[in-house]
PDB file of N, CA and C in Angstrom:
ATOM      1  N   MET A   1     117.038 123.118  74.028  1.00  0.00           N
ATOM      2  CA  MET A   1     116.965 121.999  75.052  1.00  0.00           C
ATOM      3  C   MET A   1     118.561 121.078  74.900  1.00  0.00           C
ATOM      4  N   ARG A   2     119.037 120.676  75.442  1.00  0.00           N
ATOM      5  CA  ARG A   2     120.167 119.799  75.345  1.00  0.00           C
ATOM      6  C   ARG A   2     119.857 118.421  74.824  1.00  0.00           C
ATOM      7  N   PRO A   3     120.572 117.623  73.813  1.00  0.00           N
ATOM      8  CA  PRO A   3     120.389 116.257  73.702  1.00  0.00           C
ATOM      9  C   PRO A   3     120.657 115.517  74.734  1.00  0.00           C
ATOM     10  N   VAL A   4     119.992 114.124  75.045  1.00  0.00           N
ATOM     11  CA  VAL A   4     120.221 113.530  76.014  1.00  0.00           C
ATOM     12  C   VAL A   4     120.360 112.183  75.783  1.00  0.00           C
ATOM     13  N   ARG A   5     121.466 111.307  75.956  1.00  0.00           N
ATOM     14  CA  ARG A   5     121.450 109.903  75.647  1.00  0.00           C
ATOM     15  C   ARG A   5     121.508 109.078  77.008  1.00  0.00           C
ATOM     16  N   ILE A   6     121.070 108.282  77.293  1.00  0.00           N
ATOM     17  CA  ILE A   6     120.648 107.451  78.316  1.00  0.00           C
ATOM     18  C   ILE A   6     121.111 105.981  78.113  1.00  0.00           C
ATOM     19  N   ILE A   7     122.275 105.534  79.030  1.00  0.00           N
ATOM     20  CA  ILE A   7     122.771 104.187  78.862  1.00  0.00           C
ATOM     21  C   ILE A   7     122.272 103.460  79.938  1.00  0.00           C
ATOM     22  N   TYR A   8     121.575 102.172  80.019  1.00  0.00           N
ATOM     23  CA  TYR A   8     121.208 101.688  81.140  1.00  0.00           C
ATOM     24  C   TYR A   8     121.896 100.365  81.416  1.00  0.00           C
ATOM     25  N   SER A   9     122.412 100.052  82.338  1.00  0.00           N
ATOM     26  CA  SER A   9     123.049  98.501  82.729  1.00  0.00           C
ATOM     27  C   SER A   9     122.039  97.696  82.860  1.00  0.00           C
ATOM     28  N   LYS A  10     122.475  96.391  82.577  1.00  0.00           N
ATOM     29  CA  LYS A  10     121.295  95.187  82.665  1.00  0.00           C
ATOM     30  C   LYS A  10     120.847  95.069  83.887  1.00  0.00           C
ATOM     31  N   VAL A  11     121.262  95.759  84.901  1.00  0.00           N
ATOM     32  CA  VAL A  11     120.576  95.287  86.214  1.00  0.00           C
ATOM     33  C   VAL A  11     119.369  96.376  86.223  1.00  0.00           C
ATOM     34  N   ALA A  12     119.985  97.701  85.686  1.00  0.00           N
ATOM     35  CA  ALA A  12     118.751  98.761  85.768  1.00  0.00           C
ATOM     36  C   ALA A  12     117.863  98.518  84.650  1.00  0.00           C
ATOM     37  N   GLU A  13     118.128  98.081  83.456  1.00  0.00           N
ATOM     38  CA  GLU A  13     117.249  97.728  82.516  1.00  0.00           C
ATOM     39  C   GLU A  13     116.114  96.778  82.843  1.00  0.00           C
ATOM     40  N   LYS A  14     116.687  95.802  83.826  1.00  0.00           N
ATOM     41  CA  LYS A  14     115.574  94.753  84.272  1.00  0.00           C
ATOM     42  C   LYS A  14     114.783  95.309  85.273  1.00  0.00           C
ATOM     43  N   PHE A  15     115.206  96.130  86.051  1.00  0.00           N
ATOM     44  CA  PHE A  15     114.435  97.048  87.143  1.00  0.00           C
ATOM     45  C   PHE A  15     113.260  97.951  86.346  1.00  0.00           C
ATOM     46  N   PHE A  16     113.793  98.683  85.295  1.00  0.00           N
ATOM     47  CA  PHE A  16     113.048  99.678  84.794  1.00  0.00           C
ATOM     48  C   PHE A  16     111.689  98.933  83.802  1.00  0.00           C
ATOM     49  N   VAL A  17     112.085  97.704  83.451  1.00  0.00           N
ATOM     50  CA  VAL A  17     111.098  97.086  82.841  1.00  0.00           C
ATOM     51  C   VAL A  17     110.076  96.733  83.623  1.00  0.00           C
ATOM     52  N   ARG A  18     110.233  96.106  84.758  1.00  0.00           N
ATOM     53  CA  ARG A  18     109.008  96.008  85.800  1.00  0.00           C
ATOM     54  C   ARG A  18     108.752  97.409  86.372  1.00  0.00           C
ATOM     55  N   HIS A  19     109.195  98.533  86.257  1.00  0.00           N
ATOM     56  CA  HIS A  19     108.788  99.587  86.921  1.00  0.00           C
ATOM     57  C   HIS A  19     109.039 100.783  85.741  1.00  0.00           C
ATOM     58  N   GLU A  20     108.061 100.719  84.585  1.00  0.00           N
ATOM     59  CA  GLU A  20     108.013 101.798  83.665  1.00  0.00           C
ATOM     60  C   GLU A  20     107.471 102.866  84.077  1.00  0.00           C
ATOM     61  N   ASP A  21     106.654 103.155  85.009  1.00  0.00           N
ATOM     62  CA  ASP A  21     106.360 104.265  85.837  1.00  0.00           C
ATOM     63  C   ASP A  21     107.577 105.245  86.447  1.00  0.00           C
ATOM     64  N   ILE A  22     108.591 104.440  86.804  1.00  0.00           N
ATOM     65  CA  ILE A  22     109.882 105.235  87.626  1.00  0.00           C
ATOM     66  C   ILE A  22     110.750 105.343  86.533  1.00  0.00           C
ATOM     67  N   ARG A  23     111.038 104.560  85.250  1.00  0.00           N
ATOM     68  CA  ARG A  23     111.762 104.893  84.225  1.00  0.00           C
ATOM     69  C   ARG A  23     111.144 106.498  83.938  1.00  0.00           C
ATOM     70  N   GLU A  24     109.891 106.570  83.634  1.00  0.00           N
ATOM     71  CA  GLU A  24     109.417 107.800  83.052  1.00  0.00           C
ATOM     72  C   GLU A  24     109.714 108.927  83.981  1.00  0.00           C
ATOM     73  N   GLU A  25     109.537 108.783  85.222  1.00  0.00           N
ATOM     74  CA  GLU A  25     109.741 109.498  86.352  1.00  0.00           C
ATOM     75  C   GLU A  25     111.419 110.147  86.295  1.00  0.00           C
ATOM     76  N   PHE A  26     112.169 109.192  86.354  1.00  0.00           N
ATOM     77  CA  PHE A  26     113.666 109.363  85.890  1.00  0.00           C
ATOM     78  C   PHE A  26     113.788 110.217  84.916  1.00  0.00           C
ATOM     79  N   ILE A  27     113.514 109.935  83.458  1.00  0.00           N
ATOM     80  CA  ILE A  27     113.687 110.500  82.455  1.00  0.00           C
ATOM     81  C   ILE A  27     113.323 111.920  82.710  1.00  0.00           C
ATOM     82  N   ASP A  28     112.113 112.420  83.155  1.00  0.00           N
ATOM     83  CA  ASP A  28     111.461 113.699  83.351  1.00  0.00           C
ATOM     84  C   ASP A  28     112.341 114.076  84.436  1.00  0.00           C
ATOM     85  N   SER A  29     112.961 113.749  85.457  1.00  0.00           N
ATOM     86  CA  SER A  29     113.765 114.370  86.429  1.00  0.00           C
ATOM     87  C   SER A  29     115.159 114.653  85.782  1.00  0.00           C
ATOM     88  N   ILE A  30     115.769 113.698  84.832  1.00  0.00           N
ATOM     89  CA  ILE A  30     117.005 114.066  84.310  1.00  0.00           C
ATOM     90  C   ILE A  30     116.951 115.375  83.576  1.00  0.00           C
ATOM     91  N   SER A  31     115.859 115.366  82.794  1.00  0.00           N
ATOM     92  CA  SER A  31     115.523 116.670  81.806  1.00  0.00           C
ATOM     93  C   SER A  31     115.488 117.930  82.673  1.00  0.00           C
ATOM     94  N   LYS A  32     114.857 117.881  83.787  1.00  0.00           N
ATOM     95  CA  LYS A  32     114.759 118.836  84.834  1.00  0.00           C
ATOM     96  C   LYS A  32     116.178 119.376  85.222  1.00  0.00           C
ATOM     97  N   LEU A  33     117.134 118.471  85.610  1.00  0.00           N
ATOM     98  CA  LEU A  33     118.197 118.541  86.101  1.00  0.00           C
ATOM     99  C   LEU A  33     119.288 119.462  85.028  1.00  0.00           C
ATOM    100  N   ILE A  34     119.177 118.597  83.816  1.00  0.00           N
ATOM    101  CA  ILE A  34     119.947 119.199  82.427  1.00  0.00           C
ATOM    102  C   ILE A  34     119.578 120.753  82.154  1.00  0.00           C
ATOM    103  N   ASN A  35     118.235 120.915  82.045  1.00  0.00           N
ATOM    104  CA  ASN A  35     117.734 122.150  81.485  1.00  0.00           C
ATOM    105  C   ASN A  35     117.622 123.075  82.582  1.00  0.00           C
ATOM    106  N   ASP A  36     117.884 123.006  83.791  1.00  0.00           N
ATOM    107  CA  ASP A  36     117.609 123.764  84.830  1.00  0.00           C
ATOM    108  C   ASP A  36     115.925 124.286  84.964  1.00  0.00           C
ATOM    109  N   ASP A  37     115.031 122.956  84.487  1.00  0.00           N
ATOM    110  CA  ASP A  37     113.724 123.446  84.462  1.00  0.00           C
ATOM    111  C   ASP A  37     113.133 122.909  85.993  1.00  0.00           C
ATOM    112  N   HIS A  38     112.685 123.582  86.684  1.00  0.00           N
ATOM    113  CA  HIS A  38     112.083 123.202  88.197  1.00  0.00           C
ATOM    114  C   HIS A  38     113.035 122.261  88.625  1.00  0.00           C
ATOM    115  N   ARG A  39     114.197 122.563  88.607  1.00  0.00           N
ATOM    116  CA  ARG A  39     115.464 121.412  89.128  1.00  0.00           C
ATOM    117  C   ARG A  39     115.311 121.376  90.790  1.00  0.00           C
ATOM    118  N   GLU A  40     114.608 122.325  91.364  1.00  0.00           N
ATOM    119  CA  GLU A  40     114.405 122.085  92.807  1.00  0.00           C
ATOM    120  C   GLU A  40     113.421 121.033  93.212  1.00  0.00           C
ATOM    121  N   GLN A  41     112.561 120.756  92.121  1.00  0.00           N
ATOM    122  CA  GLN A  41     111.637 119.661  92.376  1.00  0.00           C
ATOM    123  C   GLN A  41     112.175 118.082  92.399  1.00  0.00           C
ATOM    124  N   VAL A  42     113.313 117.964  92.016  1.00  0.00           N
ATOM    125  CA  VAL A  42     114.201 116.666  91.722  1.00  0.00           C
ATOM    126  C   VAL A  42     114.904 116.407  93.126  1.00  0.00           C
ATOM    127  N   ASN A  43     114.698 115.314  93.632  1.00  0.00           N
ATOM    128  CA  ASN A  43     115.341 114.911  94.741  1.00  0.00           C
ATOM    129  C   ASN A  43     116.307 114.127  94.174  1.00  0.00           C
ATOM    130  N   PHE A  44     117.672 115.014  94.006  1.00  0.00           N
ATOM    131  CA  PHE A  44     118.799 114.525  93.482  1.00  0.00           C
ATOM    132  C   PHE A  44     120.071 114.757  94.474  1.00  0.00           C
ATOM    133  N   LYS A  45     120.865 113.878  94.616  1.00  0.00           N
ATOM    134  CA  LYS A  45     122.054 114.233  95.446  1.00  0.00           C
ATOM    135  C   LYS A  45     123.367 113.659  94.858  1.00  0.00           C
ATOM    136  N   ASN A  46     124.257 114.186  94.955  1.00  0.00           N
ATOM    137  CA  ASN A  46     125.638 113.726  94.515  1.00  0.00           C
ATOM    138  C   ASN A  46     126.182 112.850  95.530  1.00  0.00           C
ATOM    139  N   LEU A  47     126.782 111.447  95.004  1.00  0.00           N
ATOM    140  CA  LEU A  47     127.188 110.670  96.430  1.00  0.00           C
ATOM    141  C   LEU A  47     128.469 111.006  96.911  1.00  0.00           C
ATOM    142  N   LYS A  48     128.806 110.366  97.988  1.00  0.00           N
ATOM    143  CA  LYS A  48     130.351 110.580  98.580  1.00  0.00           C
ATOM    144  C   LYS A  48     131.294 109.200  98.755  1.00  0.00           C
ATOM    145  N   GLY A  49     132.105 109.278  99.405  1.00  0.00           N
ATOM    146  CA  GLY A  49     133.023 108.347  99.636  1.00  0.00           C
ATOM    147  C   GLY A  49     133.492 107.323  98.369  1.00  0.00           C
ATOM    148  N   LYS A  50     132.933 106.118  98.561  1.00  0.00           N
ATOM    149  CA  LYS A  50     133.433 105.046  97.541  1.00  0.00           C
ATOM    150  C   LYS A  50     132.605 105.497  96.217  1.00  0.00           C
ATOM    151  N   LEU A  51     131.521 106.083  96.076  1.00  0.00           N
ATOM    152  CA  LEU A  51     130.555 106.430  95.092  1.00  0.00           C
ATOM    153  C   LEU A  51     130.657 107.631  94.609  1.00  0.00           C
ATOM    154  N   LYS A  52     131.817 108.556  95.007  1.00  0.00           N
ATOM    155  CA  LYS A  52     132.015 109.719  94.576  1.00  0.00           C
ATOM    156  C   LYS A  52     132.190 109.539  93.009  1.00  0.00           C
ATOM    157  N   GLY A  53     131.349 110.510  92.118  1.00  0.00           N
ATOM    158  CA  GLY A  53     131.441 110.631  90.957  1.00  0.00           C
ATOM    159  C   GLY A  53     129.935 110.102  90.310  1.00  0.00           C
ATOM    160  N   TYR A  54     129.225 109.676  91.469  1.00  0.00           N
ATOM    161  CA  TYR A  54     127.979 108.851  90.694  1.00  0.00           C
ATOM    162  C   TYR A  54     127.020 109.952  91.652  1.00  0.00           C
ATOM    163  N   SER A  55     125.821 109.868  91.302  1.00  0.00           N
ATOM    164  CA  SER A  55     124.504 110.767  91.746  1.00  0.00           C
ATOM    165  C   SER A  55     123.415 109.711  91.954  1.00  0.00           C
ATOM    166  N   ARG A  56     122.560 110.293  92.550  1.00  0.00           N
ATOM    167  CA  ARG A  56     121.407 109.637  92.663  1.00  0.00           C
ATOM    168  C   ARG A  56     119.888 110.504  92.673  1.00  0.00           C
ATOM    169  N   ILE A  57     118.976 109.705  92.253  1.00  0.00           N
ATOM    170  CA  ILE A  57     117.731 110.221  92.146  1.00  0.00           C
ATOM    171  C   ILE A  57     116.685 109.484  92.801  1.00  0.00           C
ATOM    172  N   ALA A  58     116.001 110.154  94.090  1.00  0.00           N
ATOM    173  CA  ALA A  58     115.011 109.491  94.720  1.00  0.00           C
ATOM    174  C   ALA A  58     113.513 109.549  94.155  1.00  0.00           C
ATOM    175  N   ILE A  59     112.855 108.544  93.665  1.00  0.00           N
ATOM    176  CA  ILE A  59     111.848 108.411  93.131  1.00  0.00           C
ATOM    177  C   ILE A  59     110.818 107.504  94.153  1.00  0.00           C
ATOM    178  N   ASP A  60     109.925 108.335  94.771  1.00  0.00           N
ATOM    179  CA  ASP A  60     108.749 107.250  95.598  1.00  0.00           C
ATOM    180  C   ASP A  60     109.959 106.441  96.488  1.00  0.00           C
ATOM    181  N   GLY A  61     109.879 104.881  96.664  1.00  0.00           N
ATOM    182  CA  GLY A  61     110.702 104.275  97.678  1.00  0.00           C
ATOM    183  C   GLY A  61     112.074 103.908  96.965  1.00  0.00           C
ATOM    184  N   TYR A  62     112.393 104.387  95.688  1.00  0.00           N
ATOM    185  CA  TYR A  62     113.235 103.684  94.889  1.00  0.00           C
ATOM    186  C   TYR A  62     114.572 104.914  94.850  1.00  0.00           C
ATOM    187  N   ARG A  63     115.682 104.222  94.447  1.00  0.00           N
ATOM    188  CA  ARG A  63     116.616 104.926  94.057  1.00  0.00           C
ATOM    189  C   ARG A  63     117.145 104.769  92.744  1.00  0.00           C
ATOM    190  N   VAL A  64     117.759 105.569  92.265  1.00  0.00           N
ATOM    191  CA  VAL A  64     118.392 105.323  90.461  1.00  0.00           C
ATOM    192  C   VAL A  64     119.768 106.083  90.721  1.00  0.00           C
ATOM    193  N   ILE A  65     120.460 105.123  90.658  1.00  0.00           N
ATOM    194  CA  ILE A  65     122.102 105.667  90.782  1.00  0.00           C
ATOM    195  C   ILE A  65     122.898 105.463  89.450  1.00  0.00           C
ATOM    196  N   PHE A  66     123.187 106.756  89.216  1.00  0.00           N
ATOM    197  CA  PHE A  66     123.872 107.193  87.564  1.00  0.00           C
ATOM    198  C   PHE A  66     125.192 108.093  87.670  1.00  0.00           C
ATOM    199  N   ARG A  67     125.798 108.144  86.620  1.00  0.00           N
ATOM    200  CA  ARG A  67     126.648 109.255  86.303  1.00  0.00           C
ATOM    201  C   ARG A  67     126.472 109.896  85.095  1.00  0.00           C
ATOM    202  N   MET A  68     126.668 111.382  84.899  1.00  0.00           N
ATOM    203  CA  MET A  68     126.567 112.089  84.043  1.00  0.00           C
ATOM    204  C   MET A  68     128.029 112.571  83.316  1.00  0.00           C
ATOM    205  N   GLU A  69     128.086 112.797  81.982  1.00  0.00           N
ATOM    206  CA  GLU A  69     129.356 112.861  81.348  1.00  0.00           C
ATOM    207  C   GLU A  69     128.754 114.173  80.303  1.00  0.00           C
ATOM    208  N   ASP A  70     129.262 115.282  80.585  1.00  0.00           N
ATOM    209  CA  ASP A  70     129.135 116.571  79.836  1.00  0.00           C
ATOM    210  C   ASP A  70     129.665 116.545  78.554  1.00  0.00           C
ATOM    211  N   GLY A  71     128.994 116.899  77.469  1.00  0.00           N
ATOM    212  CA  GLY A  71     129.695 117.323  76.324  1.00  0.00           C
ATOM    213  C   GLY A  71     128.791 117.954  75.624  1.00  0.00           C
ATOM    214  N   GLU A  72     128.741 117.652  74.195  1.00  0.00           N
ATOM    215  CA  GLU A  72     127.955 118.155  73.058  1.00  0.00           C
ATOM    216  C   GLU A  72     126.531 117.215  73.474  1.00  0.00           C
ATOM    217  N   ILE A  73     126.509 116.147  73.557  1.00  0.00           N
ATOM    218  CA  ILE A  73     125.092 115.573  74.090  1.00  0.00           C
ATOM    219  C   ILE A  73     125.702 114.768  75.611  1.00  0.00           C
ATOM    220  N   ILE A  74     124.994 115.163  76.406  1.00  0.00           N
ATOM    221  CA  ILE A  74     124.910 114.505  77.857  1.00  0.00           C
ATOM    222  C   ILE A  74     124.630 112.985  77.603  1.00  0.00           C
ATOM    223  N   ILE A  75     125.387 112.311  78.522  1.00  0.00           N
ATOM    224  CA  ILE A  75     125.626 111.050  78.386  1.00  0.00           C
ATOM    225  C   ILE A  75     125.097 110.566  79.976  1.00  0.00           C
ATOM    226  N   VAL A  76     123.980 109.729  80.044  1.00  0.00           N
ATOM    227  CA  VAL A  76     123.772 109.476  81.356  1.00  0.00           C
ATOM    228  C   VAL A  76     123.805 107.789  81.595  1.00  0.00           C
ATOM    229  N   SER A  77     124.556 107.281  82.124  1.00  0.00           N
ATOM    230  CA  SER A  77     124.838 105.885  82.532  1.00  0.00           C
ATOM    231  C   SER A  77     124.083 105.438  83.594  1.00  0.00           C
ATOM    232  N   VAL A  78     122.973 104.620  83.582  1.00  0.00           N
ATOM    233  CA  VAL A  78     122.458 104.380  84.646  1.00  0.00           C
ATOM    234  C   VAL A  78     122.958 103.057  85.123  1.00  0.00           C
ATOM    235  N   VAL A  79     123.568 103.106  86.423  1.00  0.00           N
ATOM    236  CA  VAL A  79     124.444 102.080  86.941  1.00  0.00           C
ATOM    237  C   VAL A  79     123.321 100.864  87.353  1.00  0.00           C
ATOM    238  N   MET A  80     122.473 101.257  88.579  1.00  0.00           N
ATOM    239  CA  MET A  80     121.528 100.520  89.287  1.00  0.00           C
ATOM    240  C   MET A  80     120.404 101.149  89.699  1.00  0.00           C
ATOM    241  N   ALA A  81     119.374 100.274  89.781  1.00  0.00           N
ATOM    242  CA  ALA A  81     118.152 101.029  90.275  1.00  0.00           C
ATOM    243  C   ALA A  81     117.299  99.891  91.231  1.00  0.00           C
ATOM    244  N   GLY A  82     116.849 100.288  92.183  1.00  0.00           N
ATOM    245  CA  GLY A  82     116.074  99.493  93.180  1.00  0.00           C
ATOM    246  C   GLY A  82     115.589 100.191  94.288  1.00  0.00           C
ATOM    247  N   SER A  83     115.149  99.461  95.380  1.00  0.00           N
ATOM    248  CA  SER A  83     114.522  99.758  96.388  1.00  0.00           C
ATOM    249  C   SER A  83     115.512 100.535  97.389  1.00  0.00           C
ATOM    250  N   ARG A  84     114.939 101.626  98.310  1.00  0.00           N
ATOM    251  CA  ARG A  84     115.734 102.422  98.973  1.00  0.00           C
ATOM    252  C   ARG A  84     116.668 101.301 100.085  1.00  0.00           C
ATOM    253  N   GLY A  85     116.045 100.382 100.429  1.00  0.00           N
ATOM    254  CA  GLY A  85     116.998  99.440 101.490  1.00  0.00           C
ATOM    255  C   GLY A  85     117.847  98.782 100.840  1.00  0.00           C
ATOM    256  N   ASP A  86     117.919  98.227  99.278  1.00  0.00           N
ATOM    257  CA  ASP A  86     118.691  97.283  99.174  1.00  0.00           C
ATOM    258  C   ASP A  86     119.850  98.087  98.055  1.00  0.00           C
ATOM    259  N   ILE A  87     119.746  99.150  97.385  1.00  0.00           N
ATOM    260  CA  ILE A  87     120.226  99.992  96.493  1.00  0.00           C
ATOM    261  C   ILE A  87     121.635  99.880  96.867  1.00  0.00           C
ATOM    262  N   TYR A  88     122.205 100.212  97.869  1.00  0.00           N
ATOM    263  CA  TYR A  88     123.485 100.521  98.318  1.00  0.00           C
ATOM    264  C   TYR A  88     124.067  99.590  98.848  1.00  0.00           C
ATOM    265  N   LYS A  89     123.314  98.338  99.381  1.00  0.00           N
ATOM    266  CA  LYS A  89     124.382  97.122  99.569  1.00  0.00           C
ATOM    267  C   LYS A  89     124.827  96.580  98.300  1.00  0.00           C
ATOM    268  N   HIS A  90     124.079  96.715  97.454  1.00  0.00           N
ATOM    269  CA  HIS A  90     124.381  96.107  96.230  1.00  0.00           C
ATOM    270  C   HIS A  90     125.634  96.690  95.288  1.00  0.00           C
ATOM    271  N   LEU A  91     126.053  97.964  95.536  1.00  0.00           N
ATOM    272  CA  LEU A  91     126.866  98.831  95.065  1.00  0.00           C
ATOM    273  C   LEU A  91     128.378  98.732  95.851  1.00  0.00           C
ATOM    274  N   ARG A  92     128.268  98.339  96.916  1.00  0.00           N
ATOM    275  CA  ARG A  92     129.469  98.306  97.680  1.00  0.00           C
ATOM    276  C   ARG A  92     130.315  96.701  97.376  1.00  0.00           C
TER     277      ARG A  92
END
């Protein structure tokens, strides 16, 4: 198993304080992606256009926007998390 370091923006941290269940699901999903452990079960998508270089994981009605940097330790920077209807409006 590869070590993972997750860095949360202030906006994402505020969201995850209110939605601890979504945080746990996100951490589980990232683990599956990195370790190819049931990767097909993760609702993951690389974003395009102005958001190229970022990815998203859909969990229930929420989206978690993040970017990963590979190296000895995989760093996951969570940019934003929020409801499906609002998340992309705030990123543009």
